Amino acid sequence: MLAVEGIVRQNPGRTFYFPRFEMAMLSHNPNLLRDNRHVGPRVVETIMRRFYEVFVAGR
């Protein structure tokens, strides 16, 4: 996370961090499939919807 922060700070207005990992993993893990490695389709849908709202819809 610190490496990402440094890159974003060095390139203001050109670099953005989208917390998809945190959105998937810090939700007490009912988001994971039975293999405990992959997130479920609803999680992907939620993350992609939010990405669209932040980076696409407002342009």
C-alpha atoms as a PDB file:
ATOM      1  CA  MET A   1       0.000   0.000   0.000  1.00  0.00           C
ATOM      2  CA  LEU A   2       2.848   2.390   0.729  1.00  0.00           C
ATOM      3  CA  ALA A   3       4.321   1.794  -2.721  1.00  0.00           C
ATOM      4  CA  VAL A   4       0.996   2.614  -4.339  1.00  0.00           C
ATOM      5  CA  GLU A   5       0.639   5.741  -2.239  1.00  0.00           C
ATOM      6  CA  GLY A   6       4.079   6.938  -3.352  1.00  0.00           C
ATOM      7  CA  ILE A   7       3.267   6.437  -7.029  1.00  0.00           C
ATOM      8  CA  VAL A   8      -0.068   8.219  -6.705  1.00  0.00           C
ATOM      9  CA  ARG A   9       1.581  11.149  -4.894  1.00  0.00           C
ATOM     10  CA  GLN A  10       4.285  11.417  -7.566  1.00  0.00           C
ATOM     11  CA  ASN A  11       1.688  11.575 -10.341  1.00  0.00           C
ATOM     12  CA  PRO A  12      -1.210  13.678  -9.051  1.00  0.00           C
ATOM     13  CA  GLY A  13      -4.134  13.840 -11.426  1.00  0.00           C
ATOM     14  CA  ARG A  14      -2.728  11.032 -13.585  1.00  0.00           C
ATOM     15  CA  THR A  15      -2.742   8.092 -11.201  1.00  0.00           C
ATOM     16  CA  PHE A  16      -5.597   6.756  -9.117  1.00  0.00           C
ATOM     17  CA  TYR A  17      -5.847   3.906  -6.660  1.00  0.00           C
ATOM     18  CA  PHE A  18      -9.041   1.888  -6.747  1.00  0.00           C
ATOM     19  CA  PRO A  19      -9.298  -0.338  -3.641  1.00  0.00           C
ATOM     20  CA  ARG A  20     -10.735  -3.457  -5.270  1.00  0.00           C
ATOM     21  CA  PHE A  21      -8.698  -5.825  -3.105  1.00  0.00           C
ATOM     22  CA  GLU A  22      -9.861  -4.134   0.065  1.00  0.00           C
ATOM     23  CA  MET A  23     -13.458  -4.115  -1.135  1.00  0.00           C
ATOM     24  CA  ALA A  24     -13.340  -7.868  -1.684  1.00  0.00           C
ATOM     25  CA  MET A  25     -11.228  -9.021   1.233  1.00  0.00           C
ATOM     26  CA  LEU A  26     -12.119  -6.731   4.112  1.00  0.00           C
ATOM     27  CA  SER A  27     -15.787  -7.649   4.168  1.00  0.00           C
ATOM     28  CA  HIS A  28     -15.505 -10.596   6.555  1.00  0.00           C
ATOM     29  CA  ASN A  29     -15.115 -13.024   3.660  1.00  0.00           C
ATOM     30  CA  PRO A  30     -18.574 -14.272   2.822  1.00  0.00           C
ATOM     31  CA  ASN A  31     -17.346 -12.875  -0.497  1.00  0.00           C
ATOM     32  CA  LEU A  32     -15.056 -15.822  -1.151  1.00  0.00           C
ATOM     33  CA  LEU A  33     -16.076 -18.910  -3.049  1.00  0.00           C
ATOM     34  CA  ARG A  34     -15.636 -22.348  -1.489  1.00  0.00           C
ATOM     35  CA  ASP A  35     -12.010 -22.519  -2.658  1.00  0.00           C
ATOM     36  CA  ASN A  36     -11.184 -19.492  -0.441  1.00  0.00           C
ATOM     37  CA  ARG A  37      -9.232 -18.019  -3.333  1.00  0.00           C
ATOM     38  CA  HIS A  38     -11.776 -16.413  -5.630  1.00  0.00           C
ATOM     39  CA  VAL A  39     -14.494 -13.891  -4.972  1.00  0.00           C
ATOM     40  CA  GLY A  40     -18.057 -14.563  -5.985  1.00  0.00           C
ATOM     41  CA  PRO A  41     -19.820 -13.032  -8.975  1.00  0.00           C
ATOM     42  CA  ARG A  42     -21.820 -10.594  -6.834  1.00  0.00           C
ATOM     43  CA  VAL A  43     -18.623  -9.156  -5.402  1.00  0.00           C
ATOM     44  CA  VAL A  44     -17.158  -8.685  -8.873  1.00  0.00           C
ATOM     45  CA  GLU A  45     -20.395  -7.042  -9.975  1.00  0.00           C
ATOM     46  CA  THR A  46     -20.335  -4.644  -7.018  1.00  0.00           C
ATOM     47  CA  ILE A  47     -16.685  -3.732  -7.546  1.00  0.00           C
ATOM     48  CA  MET A  48     -17.166  -3.163 -11.276  1.00  0.00           C
ATOM     49  CA  ARG A  49     -20.289  -1.068 -10.691  1.00  0.00           C
ATOM     50  CA  ARG A  50     -18.370   1.138  -8.273  1.00  0.00           C
ATOM     51  CA  PHE A  51     -15.418   1.400 -10.678  1.00  0.00           C
ATOM     52  CA  TYR A  52     -17.795   2.505 -13.421  1.00  0.00           C
ATOM     53  CA  GLU A  53     -19.400   5.114 -11.132  1.00  0.00           C
ATOM     54  CA  VAL A  54     -16.016   6.551 -10.115  1.00  0.00           C
ATOM     55  CA  PHE A  55     -14.073   6.447 -13.373  1.00  0.00           C
ATOM     56  CA  VAL A  56     -16.533   6.256 -16.281  1.00  0.00           C
ATOM     57  CA  ALA A  57     -20.013   7.591 -15.566  1.00  0.00           C
ATOM     58  CA  GLY A  58     -18.996  11.102 -14.537  1.00  0.00           C
ATOM     59  CA  ARG A  59     -16.915  11.858 -17.621  1.00  0.00           C
END
